[in-house]
C-alpha atoms as a PDB file:
ATOM      1  CA  UNK A   1      19.633  35.015-125.008  1.00  0.00           C
ATOM      2  CA  UNK A   2      21.787  33.191-122.439  1.00  0.00           C
ATOM      3  CA  UNK A   3      18.829  30.977-121.596  1.00  0.00           C
ATOM      4  CA  UNK A   4      18.714  29.943-125.270  1.00  0.00           C
ATOM      5  CA  UNK A   5      22.373  28.856-125.183  1.00  0.00           C
ATOM      6  CA  UNK A   6      22.049  26.782-122.014  1.00  0.00           C
ATOM      7  CA  UNK A   7      18.673  25.150-122.655  1.00  0.00           C
ATOM      8  CA  UNK A   8      19.076  21.426-123.425  1.00  0.00           C
ATOM      9  CA  UNK A   9      16.659  19.744-125.805  1.00  0.00           C
ATOM     10  CA  UNK A  10      15.240  16.286-125.226  1.00  0.00           C
ATOM     11  CA  UNK A  11      14.352  13.477-127.623  1.00  0.00           C
ATOM     12  CA  UNK A  12      10.668  14.305-128.144  1.00  0.00           C
ATOM     13  CA  UNK A  13      11.397  18.004-128.655  1.00  0.00           C
ATOM     14  CA  UNK A  14      13.951  17.025-131.300  1.00  0.00           C
ATOM     15  CA  UNK A  15      11.543  15.035-133.464  1.00  0.00           C
ATOM     16  CA  UNK A  16      10.017  18.124-135.132  1.00  0.00           C
ATOM     17  CA  UNK A  17      13.333  19.503-136.345  1.00  0.00           C
ATOM     18  CA  UNK A  18      14.361  15.947-137.274  1.00  0.00           C
ATOM     19  CA  UNK A  19      11.248  15.640-139.421  1.00  0.00           C
ATOM     20  CA  UNK A  20      12.047  18.994-141.087  1.00  0.00           C
ATOM     21  CA  UNK A  21      15.491  17.681-142.075  1.00  0.00           C
ATOM     22  CA  UNK A  22      14.064  14.358-143.285  1.00  0.00           C
ATOM     23  CA  UNK A  23      11.368  16.033-145.376  1.00  0.00           C
ATOM     24  CA  UNK A  24      13.832  18.456-146.949  1.00  0.00           C
ATOM     25  CA  UNK A  25      16.120  15.549-147.887  1.00  0.00           C
ATOM     26  CA  UNK A  26      13.250  13.496-149.303  1.00  0.00           C
ATOM     27  CA  UNK A  27      11.925  16.433-151.343  1.00  0.00           C
ATOM     28  CA  UNK A  28      15.361  17.060-152.870  1.00  0.00           C
ATOM     29  CA  UNK A  29      15.799  13.383-153.731  1.00  0.00           C
ATOM     30  CA  UNK A  30      12.329  13.097-155.282  1.00  0.00           C
ATOM     31  CA  UNK A  31      12.662  16.354-157.199  1.00  0.00           C
ATOM     32  CA  UNK A  32      16.087  15.385-158.547  1.00  0.00           C
ATOM     33  CA  UNK A  33      14.712  12.148-159.993  1.00  0.00           C
ATOM     34  CA  UNK A  34      12.647  14.215-162.395  1.00  0.00           C
ATOM     35  CA  UNK A  35      15.417  16.491-163.697  1.00  0.00           C
ATOM     36  CA  UNK A  36      18.838  14.833-163.334  1.00  0.00           C
ATOM     37  CA  UNK A  37      20.404  12.156-165.501  1.00  0.00           C
ATOM     38  CA  UNK A  38      22.150  10.339-162.625  1.00  0.00           C
ATOM     39  CA  UNK A  39      20.462  11.370-159.365  1.00  0.00           C
ATOM     40  CA  UNK A  40      21.257   9.576-156.120  1.00  0.00           C
ATOM     41  CA  UNK A  41      18.609   6.830-155.893  1.00  0.00           C
ATOM     42  CA  UNK A  42      18.376   6.219-152.176  1.00  0.00           C
ATOM     43  CA  UNK A  43      14.857   4.915-152.751  1.00  0.00           C
ATOM     44  CA  UNK A  44      16.376   2.006-154.709  1.00  0.00           C
ATOM     45  CA  UNK A  45      18.688   1.199-151.798  1.00  0.00           C
ATOM     46  CA  UNK A  46      15.686   1.362-149.466  1.00  0.00           C
ATOM     47  CA  UNK A  47      13.682  -1.031-151.648  1.00  0.00           C
ATOM     48  CA  UNK A  48      16.599  -3.426-151.785  1.00  0.00           C
ATOM     49  CA  UNK A  49      16.875  -3.223-147.993  1.00  0.00           C
ATOM     50  CA  UNK A  50      13.206  -3.999-147.469  1.00  0.00           C
ATOM     51  CA  UNK A  51      13.414  -6.968-149.819  1.00  0.00           C
ATOM     52  CA  UNK A  52      16.536  -8.271-148.113  1.00  0.00           C
ATOM     53  CA  UNK A  53      15.117  -7.932-144.582  1.00  0.00           C
ATOM     54  CA  UNK A  54      11.791  -9.445-145.648  1.00  0.00           C
ATOM     55  CA  UNK A  55      13.540 -12.505-147.074  1.00  0.00           C
ATOM     56  CA  UNK A  56      15.723 -12.771-143.967  1.00  0.00           C
ATOM     57  CA  UNK A  57      12.588 -12.709-141.789  1.00  0.00           C
ATOM     58  CA  UNK A  58      10.922 -15.290-144.024  1.00  0.00           C
ATOM     59  CA  UNK A  59       8.072 -13.039-145.161  1.00  0.00           C
ATOM     60  CA  UNK A  60       7.106 -12.118-148.676  1.00  0.00           C
ATOM     61  CA  UNK A  61       8.462  -8.696-149.626  1.00  0.00           C
ATOM     62  CA  UNK A  62       6.038  -6.132-150.984  1.00  0.00           C
ATOM     63  CA  UNK A  63       6.116  -5.340-154.704  1.00  0.00           C
ATOM     64  CA  UNK A  64       5.505  -2.361-156.947  1.00  0.00           C
ATOM     65  CA  UNK A  65       3.822   0.691-155.477  1.00  0.00           C
ATOM     66  CA  UNK A  66       3.515  -0.862-151.995  1.00  0.00           C
ATOM     67  CA  UNK A  67       7.283  -1.429-151.875  1.00  0.00           C
ATOM     68  CA  UNK A  68       7.977   2.130-153.029  1.00  0.00           C
ATOM     69  CA  UNK A  69       5.559   3.644-150.464  1.00  0.00           C
ATOM     70  CA  UNK A  70       7.010   1.560-147.627  1.00  0.00           C
ATOM     71  CA  UNK A  71      10.457   2.699-148.661  1.00  0.00           C
ATOM     72  CA  UNK A  72       9.511   6.377-148.532  1.00  0.00           C
ATOM     73  CA  UNK A  73       7.836   5.928-145.138  1.00  0.00           C
ATOM     74  CA  UNK A  74      10.900   4.056-143.856  1.00  0.00           C
ATOM     75  CA  UNK A  75      13.223   6.762-145.187  1.00  0.00           C
ATOM     76  CA  UNK A  76      11.188   9.507-143.509  1.00  0.00           C
ATOM     77  CA  UNK A  77      11.045   7.652-140.189  1.00  0.00           C
ATOM     78  CA  UNK A  78      14.711   6.671-140.079  1.00  0.00           C
ATOM     79  CA  UNK A  79      15.936  10.069-141.274  1.00  0.00           C
ATOM     80  CA  UNK A  80      13.674  11.825-138.768  1.00  0.00           C
ATOM     81  CA  UNK A  81      15.178   9.814-135.930  1.00  0.00           C
ATOM     82  CA  UNK A  82      18.701  10.410-137.228  1.00  0.00           C
ATOM     83  CA  UNK A  83      18.263  14.134-137.821  1.00  0.00           C
ATOM     84  CA  UNK A  84      16.664  14.490-134.361  1.00  0.00           C
ATOM     85  CA  UNK A  85      20.203  13.986-133.069  1.00  0.00           C
ATOM     86  CA  UNK A  86      21.092  17.382-134.536  1.00  0.00           C
ATOM     87  CA  UNK A  87      18.902  19.263-132.082  1.00  0.00           C
ATOM     88  CA  UNK A  88      19.336  17.075-129.022  1.00  0.00           C
ATOM     89  CA  UNK A  89      21.324  18.561-126.189  1.00  0.00           C
ATOM     90  CA  UNK A  90      22.478  22.148-126.018  1.00  0.00           C
ATOM     91  CA  UNK A  91      21.885  24.371-129.078  1.00  0.00           C
ATOM     92  CA  UNK A  92      25.433  25.695-129.134  1.00  0.00           C
ATOM     93  CA  UNK A  93      27.071  25.023-132.528  1.00  0.00           C
ATOM     94  CA  UNK A  94      23.846  23.457-133.798  1.00  0.00           C
ATOM     95  CA  UNK A  95      24.605  24.304-137.446  1.00  0.00           C
ATOM     96  CA  UNK A  96      28.038  22.679-137.196  1.00  0.00           C
ATOM     97  CA  UNK A  97      26.442  19.592-135.616  1.00  0.00           C
ATOM     98  CA  UNK A  98      23.818  19.520-138.384  1.00  0.00           C
ATOM     99  CA  UNK A  99      26.448  19.787-141.114  1.00  0.00           C
ATOM    100  CA  UNK A 100      28.666  17.108-139.573  1.00  0.00           C
ATOM    101  CA  UNK A 101      25.854  14.649-138.909  1.00  0.00           C
ATOM    102  CA  UNK A 102      24.436  15.242-142.386  1.00  0.00           C
ATOM    103  CA  UNK A 103      27.816  14.789-144.057  1.00  0.00           C
ATOM    104  CA  UNK A 104      28.409  11.578-142.075  1.00  0.00           C
ATOM    105  CA  UNK A 105      25.033  10.233-143.171  1.00  0.00           C
ATOM    106  CA  UNK A 106      25.825  11.089-146.783  1.00  0.00           C
ATOM    107  CA  UNK A 107      29.236   9.445-146.622  1.00  0.00           C
ATOM    108  CA  UNK A 108      27.634   6.370-145.083  1.00  0.00           C
ATOM    109  CA  UNK A 109      25.054   6.316-147.893  1.00  0.00           C
ATOM    110  CA  UNK A 110      27.868   6.344-150.452  1.00  0.00           C
ATOM    111  CA  UNK A 111      30.326   3.964-148.783  1.00  0.00           C
ATOM    112  CA  UNK A 112      28.208   1.377-146.927  1.00  0.00           C
ATOM    113  CA  UNK A 113      25.738  -0.069-149.494  1.00  0.00           C
ATOM    114  CA  UNK A 114      28.219  -2.378-151.240  1.00  0.00           C
ATOM    115  CA  UNK A 115      29.317  -3.773-147.862  1.00  0.00           C
ATOM    116  CA  UNK A 116      25.675  -4.370-146.916  1.00  0.00           C
ATOM    117  CA  UNK A 117      24.967  -6.229-150.142  1.00  0.00           C
ATOM    118  CA  UNK A 118      22.810  -3.424-151.564  1.00  0.00           C
ATOM    119  CA  UNK A 119      24.929  -2.514-154.586  1.00  0.00           C
ATOM    120  CA  UNK A 120      26.749   0.729-155.258  1.00  0.00           C
ATOM    121  CA  UNK A 121      25.169   2.361-158.309  1.00  0.00           C
ATOM    122  CA  UNK A 122      22.221   4.149-156.670  1.00  0.00           C
ATOM    123  CA  UNK A 123      24.487   6.461-154.665  1.00  0.00           C
ATOM    124  CA  UNK A 124      27.667   6.261-156.774  1.00  0.00           C
ATOM    125  CA  UNK A 125      26.596   6.008-160.422  1.00  0.00           C
ATOM    126  CA  UNK A 126      29.062   8.794-161.190  1.00  0.00           C
ATOM    127  CA  UNK A 127      31.340  10.979-159.096  1.00  0.00           C
ATOM    128  CA  UNK A 128      28.745  13.754-159.216  1.00  0.00           C
ATOM    129  CA  UNK A 129      26.133  11.312-157.875  1.00  0.00           C
ATOM    130  CA  UNK A 130      28.290  10.534-154.843  1.00  0.00           C
ATOM    131  CA  UNK A 131      28.943  14.241-154.319  1.00  0.00           C
ATOM    132  CA  UNK A 132      25.205  15.045-154.493  1.00  0.00           C
ATOM    133  CA  UNK A 133      24.429  12.273-152.024  1.00  0.00           C
ATOM    134  CA  UNK A 134      26.785  13.751-149.428  1.00  0.00           C
ATOM    135  CA  UNK A 135      25.654  17.310-150.182  1.00  0.00           C
ATOM    136  CA  UNK A 136      21.967  16.522-149.887  1.00  0.00           C
ATOM    137  CA  UNK A 137      22.308  14.660-146.612  1.00  0.00           C
ATOM    138  CA  UNK A 138      24.315  17.615-145.341  1.00  0.00           C
ATOM    139  CA  UNK A 139      21.452  19.868-146.472  1.00  0.00           C
ATOM    140  CA  UNK A 140      19.062  17.703-144.447  1.00  0.00           C
ATOM    141  CA  UNK A 141      21.253  18.144-141.367  1.00  0.00           C
ATOM    142  CA  UNK A 142      21.351  21.915-141.875  1.00  0.00           C
ATOM    143  CA  UNK A 143      17.582  21.961-142.394  1.00  0.00           C
ATOM    144  CA  UNK A 144      17.110  20.181-139.098  1.00  0.00           C
ATOM    145  CA  UNK A 145      19.485  22.620-137.350  1.00  0.00           C
ATOM    146  CA  UNK A 146      17.609  25.590-138.824  1.00  0.00           C
ATOM    147  CA  UNK A 147      14.238  24.228-137.696  1.00  0.00           C
ATOM    148  CA  UNK A 148      15.625  23.573-134.202  1.00  0.00           C
ATOM    149  CA  UNK A 149      17.094  27.073-133.983  1.00  0.00           C
ATOM    150  CA  UNK A 150      13.824  28.651-135.139  1.00  0.00           C
ATOM    151  CA  UNK A 151      11.771  26.677-132.612  1.00  0.00           C
ATOM    152  CA  UNK A 152      14.171  27.620-129.828  1.00  0.00           C
ATOM    153  CA  UNK A 153      13.969  31.283-130.765  1.00  0.00           C
ATOM    154  CA  UNK A 154      10.180  31.094-130.940  1.00  0.00           C
ATOM    155  CA  UNK A 155       9.926  29.448-127.514  1.00  0.00           C
ATOM    156  CA  UNK A 156      12.363  32.005-126.016  1.00  0.00           C
ATOM    157  CA  UNK A 157      10.067  34.881-127.048  1.00  0.00           C
ATOM    158  CA  UNK A 158       6.929  33.243-125.619  1.00  0.00           C
END
């Protein structure tokens, strides 16, 4: 067990747990759209971001289904890279690191959009929407930590 505590994890080894956190976050967001009155709409912020960057680059932004699909792919990629930070380095306090990084991402998703010119309603339509945003990003961080811990335990028994 001491080898589990001292074993550092590199970037490429962290991508799997990062993907687990990103997928769990995306599934919660997509599922909530179907059942909640005011779910956090991070996909709307993503679509606005793609349109804004496309215009800044001087290219025509995608529309409709193509824009939505690119947004989901971008969310999965960026969240995978972010949540990979949870399992990088030593596994000590990995759940605390996952919760903190997830909560920071959620707070950023609530606070930053207006300052970036993306509007505020998708993540702050109501107080409960802002709370859910932070909670769900925290869940993604914990999901990444859990996946990292499981893979470390599995590799220690091999």
